[in-house]
Amino acid sequence: MDQLSKIIENFPGKRVGIVGDLMLDRYLSCEIKRISQEAPIPIAKVLNEKFVLGGAANVAANVRSLGGEAEVLGLFGTDSKGEMMLKMLREQGIERSLSLKSSDRPTTVKTRIVSGNHQIVRIDMESDENISKNEEEEILSRLPEFLDRSEIIIISDYAKGFVTENLAKKIILLAKERGIKVLVDPKKFEYFTGAYLIKPNKEEAEHTAGVRFMADYSNASEILKILHEKFNSNLAVTLGKDGMMISEGKGISRTKSLAKEVYDVSGAGDTVMAALALGLASGSDLKTSALISNYAAGVAVSKVGTATVSVLEVLELIKKNGVSSFV
């Protein structure tokens, strides 16, 4: 634990820049006791409404809760939800001055109707068209200043149109010139060739490689080799209940999941990205940073809804479970 705790102790003050799709996650906690007379559907009586930061904004919130400094570069609408997001970012100490307001598209809001610990339905209000050329040019003009204020970059791409191919390639190019690592949580893999690390989940890795994992992962080297050759990047593949797998181009290492009870996986990938970035920014190698992120994910999935994870929670899970390892 000493090695991991020493790295985690270095998280405060590390500056992480997060580029991507900013969202609000709205939760309606409901009581369901009867069926509607209008149609054969349950009636959900709202007991509580809650808003939390989502998407790239949730990555930033996790960076802050883990002790780092976070700045977002994204876009939100000139609507009431955009104002709410700005207020929440400000309250959580997340820098957002280089982000854009747009009158042409709404702030992305994902509403989840929840009964007990179970999601009943999700309602998305969003635009997934690419940002306009004028908006892209404005973001590109702000990019050098954004990079100069960051020690490491996360691209959080939810395919909502903010991370265009041109923007992705420019980030990777300019970051390399500055010696800054770029970590990517992608939807469109081809945009991110040459990034320091790409983090797909199991299904995304299978889809992109065109090969499914065997039940025992005995063909994992084949799949990750395909991805390496396509994208020239280190890989961290999240495997849900089966843990995480990483590859730096020379073999594959895998560690088990640390979650004892999984209540909700919403936002767990955001937590992984935040912890990975802070570990690397603190001078840790990829394998050790991935171990820390695996503990952070174990905390995240034990909570209901999109959630942040604290340093104390991560350290407590390490203490409780002991230091795991990659095999």
Protein backbone atom coordinates (compact mmCIF):
# COMPACT_ATOMS: atom_id res chain seq x y z
CA MET A 1 0.00 0.00 0.00
CA ASP A 2 2.90 2.36 0.69
CA GLN A 3 3.76 2.78 -2.99
CA LEU A 4 0.16 3.44 -3.99
CA SER A 5 -0.52 5.80 -1.08
CA LYS A 6 2.62 7.81 -1.83
CA ILE A 7 1.47 8.31 -5.42
CA ILE A 8 -2.04 9.27 -4.30
CA GLU A 9 -0.56 11.79 -1.85
CA ASN A 10 0.96 13.56 -4.88
CA PHE A 11 -2.42 14.10 -6.57
CA PRO A 12 -3.09 17.56 -5.06
CA GLY A 13 -2.05 20.35 -7.39
CA LYS A 14 -1.69 18.20 -10.51
CA ARG A 15 -3.32 20.05 -13.41
CA VAL A 16 -5.56 17.94 -15.64
CA GLY A 17 -7.16 19.36 -18.78
CA ILE A 18 -10.37 17.63 -19.88
CA VAL A 19 -11.67 18.09 -23.43
CA GLY A 20 -15.02 16.69 -24.45
CA ASP A 21 -18.78 16.52 -24.15
CA LEU A 22 -20.02 18.38 -21.09
CA MET A 23 -23.30 17.06 -19.67
CA LEU A 24 -25.71 17.28 -16.80
CA ASP A 25 -27.04 14.05 -15.31
CA ARG A 26 -30.52 14.46 -13.83
CA TYR A 27 -31.93 11.85 -11.45
CA LEU A 28 -35.62 11.55 -10.62
CA SER A 29 -36.03 9.21 -7.65
CA CYS A 30 -39.51 7.74 -7.90
CA GLU A 31 -41.96 5.55 -6.08
CA ILE A 32 -43.86 3.07 -8.25
CA LYS A 33 -46.96 1.50 -6.71
CA ARG A 34 -49.63 1.33 -9.38
CA ILE A 35 -50.39 1.04 -13.09
CA SER A 36 -51.86 3.88 -15.12
CA GLN A 37 -55.47 3.68 -16.31
CA GLU A 38 -54.47 5.52 -19.51
CA ALA A 39 -52.09 2.81 -20.70
CA PRO A 40 -50.50 -0.38 -19.27
CA ILE A 41 -47.54 1.51 -17.83
CA PRO A 42 -46.33 2.14 -14.27
CA ILE A 43 -46.96 5.49 -12.63
CA ALA A 44 -43.74 6.97 -11.23
CA LYS A 45 -44.31 9.43 -8.40
CA VAL A 46 -41.29 11.74 -8.12
CA LEU A 47 -39.86 11.88 -4.61
CA ASN A 48 -36.61 13.69 -5.29
CA GLU A 49 -34.77 15.46 -8.12
CA LYS A 50 -30.98 15.72 -8.28
CA PHE A 51 -28.52 17.13 -10.82
CA VAL A 52 -24.85 16.11 -11.02
CA LEU A 53 -22.11 16.81 -13.54
CA GLY A 54 -21.88 14.21 -16.30
CA GLY A 55 -19.73 13.26 -19.28
CA ALA A 56 -16.49 15.20 -19.49
CA ALA A 57 -17.70 17.37 -16.60
CA ASN A 58 -17.90 14.26 -14.41
CA VAL A 59 -14.30 13.40 -15.30
CA ALA A 60 -13.36 16.88 -14.07
CA ALA A 61 -15.45 16.44 -10.91
CA ASN A 62 -13.58 13.20 -10.16
CA VAL A 63 -10.22 14.88 -10.72
CA ARG A 64 -11.24 17.49 -8.14
CA SER A 65 -12.60 14.97 -5.64
CA LEU A 66 -9.31 13.05 -5.92
CA GLY A 67 -7.37 16.21 -5.11
CA GLY A 68 -6.25 17.42 -8.52
CA GLU A 69 -6.87 20.68 -10.37
CA ALA A 70 -9.26 20.41 -13.32
CA GLU A 71 -10.06 22.58 -16.34
CA VAL A 72 -12.67 21.73 -18.97
CA LEU A 73 -12.75 22.68 -22.62
CA GLY A 74 -16.21 22.00 -23.95
CA LEU A 75 -19.51 23.53 -24.99
CA PHE A 76 -22.89 24.13 -23.37
CA GLY A 77 -26.07 25.87 -24.41
CA THR A 78 -27.29 29.36 -23.56
CA ASP A 79 -30.20 27.77 -21.70
CA SER A 80 -31.09 27.36 -18.03
CA LYS A 81 -29.29 24.00 -17.84
CA GLY A 82 -26.16 25.62 -19.21
CA GLU A 83 -26.32 28.21 -16.45
CA MET A 84 -26.82 25.43 -13.93
CA MET A 85 -23.76 23.59 -15.26
CA LEU A 86 -21.64 26.75 -15.05
CA LYS A 87 -22.73 27.25 -11.45
CA MET A 88 -21.92 23.64 -10.53
CA LEU A 89 -18.50 23.81 -12.21
CA ARG A 90 -17.73 27.02 -10.34
CA GLU A 91 -18.88 25.58 -7.00
CA GLN A 92 -16.64 22.52 -7.46
CA GLY A 93 -13.60 24.61 -8.33
CA ILE A 94 -13.40 23.48 -11.97
CA GLU A 95 -11.95 26.03 -14.38
CA ARG A 96 -14.19 26.57 -17.43
CA SER A 97 -13.28 30.00 -18.84
CA LEU A 98 -12.09 28.64 -22.21
CA SER A 99 -15.29 26.65 -22.84
CA LEU A 100 -17.89 27.95 -25.31
CA LYS A 101 -21.54 28.89 -24.99
CA SER A 102 -23.66 28.02 -28.01
CA SER A 103 -27.06 29.41 -28.94
CA ASP A 104 -27.41 26.76 -31.66
CA ARG A 105 -27.54 23.64 -29.50
CA PRO A 106 -28.91 22.70 -26.09
CA THR A 107 -26.92 21.73 -23.04
CA THR A 108 -26.81 17.92 -23.00
CA VAL A 109 -29.02 16.55 -20.20
CA LYS A 110 -29.53 12.87 -19.43
CA THR A 111 -32.53 12.23 -17.19
CA ARG A 112 -32.66 8.90 -15.39
CA ILE A 113 -35.88 7.78 -13.72
CA VAL A 114 -34.90 5.60 -10.77
CA SER A 115 -36.90 3.42 -8.41
CA GLY A 116 -34.92 2.06 -5.49
CA ASN A 117 -31.47 1.24 -6.89
CA HIS A 118 -32.77 0.48 -10.37
CA GLN A 119 -32.99 2.70 -13.44
CA ILE A 120 -36.39 2.46 -15.12
CA VAL A 121 -35.73 4.59 -18.18
CA ARG A 122 -33.29 7.24 -19.43
CA ILE A 123 -34.36 10.32 -21.41
CA ASP A 124 -31.70 12.19 -23.41
CA MET A 125 -32.01 15.84 -24.45
CA GLU A 126 -29.08 16.59 -26.75
CA SER A 127 -27.67 17.36 -30.17
CA ASP A 128 -25.16 14.88 -31.56
CA GLU A 129 -24.30 16.83 -34.71
CA ASN A 130 -20.76 18.14 -35.05
CA ILE A 131 -20.12 21.62 -33.75
CA SER A 132 -20.13 24.31 -36.43
CA LYS A 133 -16.97 25.29 -38.31
CA ASN A 134 -16.97 28.66 -36.53
CA GLU A 135 -17.22 26.96 -33.14
CA GLU A 136 -14.46 24.51 -34.07
CA GLU A 137 -12.18 27.36 -35.17
CA GLU A 138 -12.84 29.22 -31.92
CA ILE A 139 -12.00 26.15 -29.85
CA LEU A 140 -8.81 25.57 -31.88
CA SER A 141 -7.75 29.16 -31.21
CA ARG A 142 -8.10 28.56 -27.46
CA LEU A 143 -6.34 25.20 -27.51
CA PRO A 144 -2.70 26.37 -27.09
CA GLU A 145 -3.54 28.32 -23.92
CA PHE A 146 -5.52 25.36 -22.60
CA LEU A 147 -2.63 22.94 -23.19
CA ASP A 148 -0.10 25.31 -21.66
CA ARG A 149 -2.14 25.27 -18.43
CA SER A 150 -2.28 21.45 -18.25
CA GLU A 151 0.16 18.73 -17.18
CA ILE A 152 -1.87 15.93 -18.79
CA ILE A 153 -4.91 15.83 -21.09
CA ILE A 154 -8.02 13.66 -21.09
CA ILE A 155 -10.27 13.55 -24.14
CA SER A 156 -13.73 12.40 -23.05
CA ASP A 157 -15.61 11.66 -26.26
CA TYR A 158 -19.28 10.72 -25.94
CA ALA A 159 -19.97 11.23 -29.69
CA LYS A 160 -22.09 14.32 -29.10
CA GLY A 161 -20.27 16.31 -31.77
CA PHE A 162 -17.77 18.35 -29.78
CA VAL A 163 -14.66 16.24 -30.44
CA THR A 164 -14.31 16.51 -34.20
CA GLU A 165 -11.61 14.64 -36.09
CA ASN A 166 -9.75 17.89 -36.73
CA LEU A 167 -9.85 18.88 -33.05
CA ALA A 168 -8.73 15.43 -31.87
CA LYS A 169 -5.74 15.32 -34.20
CA LYS A 170 -4.74 18.89 -33.33
CA ILE A 171 -4.83 18.13 -29.60
CA ILE A 172 -2.59 15.08 -30.03
CA LEU A 173 -0.15 16.98 -32.27
CA LEU A 174 0.16 20.06 -30.04
CA ALA A 175 0.33 17.97 -26.86
CA LYS A 176 3.21 15.91 -28.27
CA GLU A 177 5.08 19.11 -29.09
CA ARG A 178 4.73 20.08 -25.42
CA GLY A 179 5.56 16.63 -24.04
CA ILE A 180 2.04 16.21 -22.62
CA LYS A 181 0.39 12.78 -22.47
CA VAL A 182 -3.10 12.49 -24.00
CA LEU A 183 -5.50 9.88 -22.57
CA VAL A 184 -8.65 9.11 -24.56
CA ASP A 185 -12.01 7.61 -23.66
CA PRO A 186 -13.28 7.27 -27.23
CA LYS A 187 -16.33 6.58 -29.31
CA LYS A 188 -14.68 7.10 -32.71
CA PHE A 189 -11.32 5.39 -32.30
CA GLU A 190 -9.88 6.45 -35.65
CA TYR A 191 -9.68 10.07 -34.52
CA PHE A 192 -7.09 9.32 -31.84
CA THR A 193 -4.19 7.53 -33.54
CA GLY A 194 -0.97 8.28 -31.69
CA ALA A 195 -2.48 9.24 -28.35
CA TYR A 196 -0.53 8.07 -25.30
CA LEU A 197 -3.41 5.87 -24.15
CA ILE A 198 -6.83 4.80 -25.41
CA LYS A 199 -9.33 3.36 -22.90
CA PRO A 200 -12.14 1.36 -24.50
CA ASN A 201 -14.51 -0.87 -22.61
CA LYS A 202 -14.78 -4.55 -23.50
CA GLU A 203 -17.55 -4.14 -26.07
CA GLU A 204 -15.86 -1.16 -27.76
CA ALA A 205 -12.57 -3.09 -28.02
CA GLU A 206 -14.35 -6.08 -29.56
CA HIS A 207 -16.27 -3.94 -32.04
CA THR A 208 -13.22 -1.98 -33.14
CA ALA A 209 -10.98 -5.05 -33.47
CA GLY A 210 -13.69 -7.12 -35.12
CA VAL A 211 -13.00 -10.01 -32.74
CA ARG A 212 -14.80 -11.07 -29.56
CA PHE A 213 -12.97 -12.00 -26.36
CA MET A 214 -13.05 -15.67 -25.40
CA ALA A 215 -14.68 -16.37 -22.04
CA ASP A 216 -11.25 -16.91 -20.47
CA TYR A 217 -9.65 -14.01 -22.42
CA SER A 218 -7.17 -16.43 -23.95
CA ASN A 219 -7.29 -14.46 -27.23
CA ALA A 220 -6.77 -11.06 -25.57
CA SER A 221 -3.29 -10.67 -27.05
CA GLU A 222 -4.76 -11.05 -30.54
CA ILE A 223 -7.37 -8.34 -29.96
CA LEU A 224 -5.01 -5.86 -28.33
CA LYS A 225 -2.40 -6.44 -31.04
CA ILE A 226 -4.99 -5.44 -33.65
CA LEU A 227 -5.80 -2.27 -31.71
CA HIS A 228 -2.10 -1.44 -31.25
CA GLU A 229 -1.43 -1.76 -34.95
CA LYS A 230 -4.45 0.41 -35.78
CA PHE A 231 -3.88 3.22 -33.32
CA ASN A 232 -0.23 3.16 -32.15
CA SER A 233 -1.28 3.72 -28.55
CA ASN A 234 -1.08 2.13 -25.12
CA LEU A 235 -4.36 0.48 -24.16
CA ALA A 236 -6.43 0.14 -21.01
CA VAL A 237 -9.51 -2.03 -21.54
CA THR A 238 -12.15 -2.03 -18.80
CA LEU A 239 -13.82 -5.43 -18.46
CA GLY A 240 -16.70 -4.73 -16.06
CA LYS A 241 -16.95 -7.50 -13.47
CA ASP A 242 -13.74 -9.03 -14.87
CA GLY A 243 -11.56 -6.03 -13.98
CA MET A 244 -9.13 -4.28 -16.30
CA MET A 245 -6.50 -5.13 -18.89
CA ILE A 246 -3.59 -2.96 -19.99
CA SER A 247 -1.02 -3.25 -22.75
CA GLU A 248 1.98 -1.11 -23.57
CA GLY A 249 2.75 -3.05 -26.73
CA LYS A 250 4.77 -5.78 -25.01
CA GLY A 251 2.42 -8.33 -23.51
CA ILE A 252 -0.81 -7.91 -21.61
CA SER A 253 -1.48 -7.47 -17.88
CA ARG A 254 -4.85 -8.02 -16.23
CA THR A 255 -6.21 -7.33 -12.76
CA LYS A 256 -9.48 -8.40 -11.19
CA SER A 257 -12.41 -6.15 -10.33
CA LEU A 258 -12.39 -4.84 -6.75
CA ALA A 259 -16.11 -4.13 -6.58
CA LYS A 260 -17.88 -6.23 -3.96
CA GLU A 261 -21.34 -4.84 -4.78
CA VAL A 262 -22.19 -3.16 -8.08
CA TYR A 263 -25.10 -0.76 -7.77
CA ASP A 264 -24.53 1.43 -10.84
CA VAL A 265 -21.80 1.62 -13.49
CA SER A 266 -22.84 5.13 -14.62
CA GLY A 267 -19.74 7.29 -14.81
CA ALA A 268 -17.32 4.60 -13.60
CA GLY A 269 -15.24 5.03 -16.76
CA ASP A 270 -14.94 8.74 -15.96
CA THR A 271 -13.55 7.85 -12.54
CA VAL A 272 -11.02 5.50 -14.14
CA MET A 273 -9.82 8.24 -16.50
CA ALA A 274 -9.44 10.78 -13.69
CA ALA A 275 -7.39 8.42 -11.53
CA LEU A 276 -5.25 7.27 -14.47
CA ALA A 277 -4.42 10.86 -15.38
CA LEU A 278 -3.55 11.87 -11.82
CA GLY A 279 -1.39 8.79 -11.34
CA LEU A 280 0.59 9.49 -14.51
CA ALA A 281 0.85 13.21 -13.73
CA SER A 282 2.23 12.25 -10.30
CA GLY A 283 5.11 10.37 -11.92
CA SER A 284 3.71 6.85 -11.69
CA ASP A 285 4.06 4.30 -14.49
CA LEU A 286 1.00 3.15 -16.43
CA LYS A 287 0.59 -0.17 -14.64
CA THR A 288 0.61 1.39 -11.16
CA SER A 289 -1.69 4.22 -12.28
CA ALA A 290 -4.08 1.62 -13.67
CA LEU A 291 -4.08 -0.23 -10.34
CA ILE A 292 -5.09 2.97 -8.56
CA SER A 293 -7.81 3.63 -11.13
CA ASN A 294 -9.14 0.10 -10.61
CA TYR A 295 -9.57 0.80 -6.89
CA ALA A 296 -11.28 4.10 -7.74
CA ALA A 297 -13.67 2.27 -10.08
CA GLY A 298 -14.43 -0.22 -7.32
CA VAL A 299 -15.62 2.66 -5.16
CA ALA A 300 -17.58 4.34 -7.97
CA VAL A 301 -19.71 1.33 -8.93
CA SER A 302 -20.71 0.80 -5.28
CA LYS A 303 -22.63 4.10 -5.44
CA VAL A 304 -26.00 4.74 -7.05
CA GLY A 305 -25.86 7.12 -10.02
CA THR A 306 -23.07 9.20 -11.49
CA ALA A 307 -20.73 9.78 -8.56
CA THR A 308 -17.35 11.13 -7.57
CA VAL A 309 -14.74 9.27 -5.57
CA SER A 310 -12.52 10.69 -2.83
CA VAL A 311 -8.92 9.92 -1.93
CA LEU A 312 -10.03 8.66 1.48
CA GLU A 313 -12.45 6.20 -0.12
CA VAL A 314 -9.74 4.86 -2.43
CA LEU A 315 -7.24 4.50 0.41
CA GLU A 316 -9.87 2.75 2.54
CA LEU A 317 -10.56 0.23 -0.25
CA ILE A 318 -6.83 -0.43 -0.65
CA LYS A 319 -6.53 -0.97 3.09
CA LYS A 320 -9.56 -3.25 3.15
CA ASN A 321 -8.60 -5.39 0.13
CA GLY A 322 -4.82 -5.20 0.22
CA VAL A 323 -2.71 -4.24 -2.77
CA SER A 324 -3.79 -6.14 -5.86
CA SER A 325 -1.54 -6.72 -8.83
CA PHE A 326 -1.54 -7.31 -12.56
CA VAL A 327 -0.87 -10.80 -13.88
